Amino acid sequence: MVGKYKVITLCGSTKFKDDFLREQKRLTLEGNIVISVGFFEHAGDNEVWKEGTKEMLDDMHKKKIDMADEIFVINKNDYIGSSTKSEIEYAKNTNKVVKYMENL
């Protein structure tokens, strides 16, 4: 497995923290470089709600998508919020592969 590694950025609602951590571990063990979120604002990381921070993090996440070969969407119970929809659209517009945790 040593060699070229695919880079995958995780996207999805941060209320699914456990799913993010599980998928990050699984994808890493499969030989991928995984880029994830910096905070889990919907799971208790309240620093995110300071003025301007959410906007900065959303912009940073698009840069993380730019660095990736593909995105992996954490869509537990088929939930995809507005921020994640925006990230999926951004990924598609930049010709990234989009994969989902749960089939749509």
C-alpha atoms as a PDB file:
ATOM      1  CA  MET A   1       0.000   0.000   0.000  1.00  0.00           C
ATOM      2  CA  VAL A   2       2.964   2.360   0.217  1.00  0.00           C
ATOM      3  CA  GLY A   3       2.937   4.785  -2.674  1.00  0.00           C
ATOM      4  CA  LYS A   4       0.407   7.181  -4.126  1.00  0.00           C
ATOM      5  CA  TYR A   5      -2.391   8.022  -1.736  1.00  0.00           C
ATOM      6  CA  LYS A   6      -5.775   9.424  -2.650  1.00  0.00           C
ATOM      7  CA  VAL A   7      -6.748  12.572  -0.722  1.00  0.00           C
ATOM      8  CA  ILE A   8     -10.334  12.634   0.557  1.00  0.00           C
ATOM      9  CA  THR A   9     -12.089  15.548   2.262  1.00  0.00           C
ATOM     10  CA  LEU A  10     -14.955  14.672   4.594  1.00  0.00           C
ATOM     11  CA  CYS A  11     -18.114  16.777   4.331  1.00  0.00           C
ATOM     12  CA  GLY A  12     -21.345  16.677   6.288  1.00  0.00           C
ATOM     13  CA  SER A  13     -23.130  17.973   9.335  1.00  0.00           C
ATOM     14  CA  THR A  14     -20.859  18.270  12.327  1.00  0.00           C
ATOM     15  CA  LYS A  15     -23.633  16.893  14.524  1.00  0.00           C
ATOM     16  CA  PHE A  16     -22.443  13.491  13.260  1.00  0.00           C
ATOM     17  CA  LYS A  17     -19.097  13.690  15.077  1.00  0.00           C
ATOM     18  CA  ASP A  18     -18.904   9.947  15.787  1.00  0.00           C
ATOM     19  CA  ASP A  19     -19.530   9.155  12.111  1.00  0.00           C
ATOM     20  CA  PHE A  20     -16.833  11.624  11.037  1.00  0.00           C
ATOM     21  CA  LEU A  21     -14.308   9.987  13.362  1.00  0.00           C
ATOM     22  CA  ARG A  22     -15.292   6.453  12.322  1.00  0.00           C
ATOM     23  CA  GLU A  23     -15.139   7.203   8.586  1.00  0.00           C
ATOM     24  CA  GLN A  24     -11.862   9.108   8.976  1.00  0.00           C
ATOM     25  CA  LYS A  25     -10.326   6.069  10.644  1.00  0.00           C
ATOM     26  CA  ARG A  26     -11.752   3.619   8.085  1.00  0.00           C
ATOM     27  CA  LEU A  27     -10.662   5.654   5.073  1.00  0.00           C
ATOM     28  CA  THR A  28      -7.189   6.195   6.550  1.00  0.00           C
ATOM     29  CA  LEU A  29      -6.740   2.473   7.167  1.00  0.00           C
ATOM     30  CA  GLU A  30      -7.762   1.866   3.544  1.00  0.00           C
ATOM     31  CA  GLY A  31      -4.711   3.921   2.491  1.00  0.00           C
ATOM     32  CA  ASN A  32      -6.165   7.392   1.976  1.00  0.00           C
ATOM     33  CA  ILE A  33      -5.087  10.780   3.263  1.00  0.00           C
ATOM     34  CA  VAL A  34      -8.185  12.177   4.971  1.00  0.00           C
ATOM     35  CA  ILE A  35      -8.909  15.865   5.511  1.00  0.00           C
ATOM     36  CA  SER A  36     -11.669  16.565   8.010  1.00  0.00           C
ATOM     37  CA  VAL A  37     -13.367  19.444   9.775  1.00  0.00           C
ATOM     38  CA  GLY A  38     -11.526  21.498  12.388  1.00  0.00           C
ATOM     39  CA  PHE A  39     -14.481  21.809  14.752  1.00  0.00           C
ATOM     40  CA  PHE A  40     -17.709  20.013  15.536  1.00  0.00           C
ATOM     41  CA  GLU A  41     -19.863  23.069  16.140  1.00  0.00           C
ATOM     42  CA  HIS A  42     -23.117  21.104  16.231  1.00  0.00           C
ATOM     43  CA  ALA A  43     -21.594  18.695  18.744  1.00  0.00           C
ATOM     44  CA  GLY A  44     -20.541  21.283  21.306  1.00  0.00           C
ATOM     45  CA  ASP A  45     -17.551  23.234  19.918  1.00  0.00           C
ATOM     46  CA  ASN A  46     -19.017  26.655  20.718  1.00  0.00           C
ATOM     47  CA  GLU A  47     -15.962  28.697  19.625  1.00  0.00           C
ATOM     48  CA  VAL A  48     -17.288  28.460  16.085  1.00  0.00           C
ATOM     49  CA  TRP A  49     -20.201  30.758  16.807  1.00  0.00           C
ATOM     50  CA  LYS A  50     -17.991  33.844  17.357  1.00  0.00           C
ATOM     51  CA  GLU A  51     -18.567  36.539  14.745  1.00  0.00           C
ATOM     52  CA  GLY A  52     -16.855  35.716  11.454  1.00  0.00           C
ATOM     53  CA  THR A  53     -15.573  32.302  12.517  1.00  0.00           C
ATOM     54  CA  LYS A  54     -18.261  30.213  10.781  1.00  0.00           C
ATOM     55  CA  GLU A  55     -17.721  32.073   7.516  1.00  0.00           C
ATOM     56  CA  MET A  56     -13.957  31.570   7.764  1.00  0.00           C
ATOM     57  CA  LEU A  57     -14.362  27.844   8.453  1.00  0.00           C
ATOM     58  CA  ASP A  58     -16.769  27.439   5.513  1.00  0.00           C
ATOM     59  CA  ASP A  59     -14.231  29.126   3.231  1.00  0.00           C
ATOM     60  CA  MET A  60     -11.407  26.986   4.627  1.00  0.00           C
ATOM     61  CA  HIS A  61     -13.443  23.848   3.964  1.00  0.00           C
ATOM     62  CA  LYS A  62     -13.707  24.755   0.282  1.00  0.00           C
ATOM     63  CA  LYS A  63      -9.912  25.057   0.209  1.00  0.00           C
ATOM     64  CA  LYS A  64      -9.763  21.568   1.757  1.00  0.00           C
ATOM     65  CA  ILE A  65     -11.976  20.362  -1.101  1.00  0.00           C
ATOM     66  CA  ASP A  66      -9.543  22.003  -3.550  1.00  0.00           C
ATOM     67  CA  MET A  67      -6.709  19.914  -2.064  1.00  0.00           C
ATOM     68  CA  ALA A  68      -8.662  16.650  -2.373  1.00  0.00           C
ATOM     69  CA  ASP A  69      -9.125  14.118  -5.138  1.00  0.00           C
ATOM     70  CA  GLU A  70     -12.657  13.472  -3.916  1.00  0.00           C
ATOM     71  CA  ILE A  71     -15.089  14.235  -1.122  1.00  0.00           C
ATOM     72  CA  PHE A  72     -16.853  11.775   1.128  1.00  0.00           C
ATOM     73  CA  VAL A  73     -20.218  12.966   2.430  1.00  0.00           C
ATOM     74  CA  ILE A  74     -21.358  11.943   5.908  1.00  0.00           C
ATOM     75  CA  ASN A  75     -25.091  11.778   5.158  1.00  0.00           C
ATOM     76  CA  LYS A  76     -26.447   9.848   8.142  1.00  0.00           C
ATOM     77  CA  ASN A  77     -30.144   9.039   7.715  1.00  0.00           C
ATOM     78  CA  ASP A  78     -29.837  10.771   4.296  1.00  0.00           C
ATOM     79  CA  TYR A  79     -29.418  14.152   6.043  1.00  0.00           C
ATOM     80  CA  ILE A  80     -27.617  16.775   3.970  1.00  0.00           C
ATOM     81  CA  GLY A  81     -27.830  20.350   5.259  1.00  0.00           C
ATOM     82  CA  SER A  82     -27.425  23.568   3.312  1.00  0.00           C
ATOM     83  CA  SER A  83     -23.683  23.952   3.999  1.00  0.00           C
ATOM     84  CA  THR A  84     -23.030  20.384   2.871  1.00  0.00           C
ATOM     85  CA  LYS A  85     -25.165  20.895  -0.241  1.00  0.00           C
ATOM     86  CA  SER A  86     -23.011  23.912  -1.044  1.00  0.00           C
ATOM     87  CA  GLU A  87     -19.834  21.844  -0.566  1.00  0.00           C
ATOM     88  CA  ILE A  88     -21.159  19.054  -2.809  1.00  0.00           C
ATOM     89  CA  GLU A  89     -22.000  21.582  -5.520  1.00  0.00           C
ATOM     90  CA  TYR A  90     -18.560  23.174  -5.154  1.00  0.00           C
ATOM     91  CA  ALA A  91     -16.887  19.756  -5.425  1.00  0.00           C
ATOM     92  CA  LYS A  92     -18.877  18.869  -8.538  1.00  0.00           C
ATOM     93  CA  ASN A  93     -18.078  22.241 -10.126  1.00  0.00           C
ATOM     94  CA  THR A  94     -14.372  21.590  -9.558  1.00  0.00           C
ATOM     95  CA  ASN A  95     -14.587  18.071 -11.024  1.00  0.00           C
ATOM     96  CA  LYS A  96     -14.139  16.173  -7.752  1.00  0.00           C
ATOM     97  CA  VAL A  97     -15.520  12.688  -7.236  1.00  0.00           C
ATOM     98  CA  VAL A  98     -18.376  12.722  -4.698  1.00  0.00           C
ATOM     99  CA  LYS A  99     -19.078   9.622  -2.614  1.00  0.00           C
ATOM    100  CA  TYR A 100     -21.613   9.135   0.154  1.00  0.00           C
ATOM    101  CA  MET A 101     -21.645   7.232   3.438  1.00  0.00           C
ATOM    102  CA  GLU A 102     -25.235   6.153   2.768  1.00  0.00           C
ATOM    103  CA  ASN A 103     -26.671   5.563  -0.690  1.00  0.00           C
ATOM    104  CA  LEU A 104     -29.060   8.246  -1.851  1.00  0.00           C
END
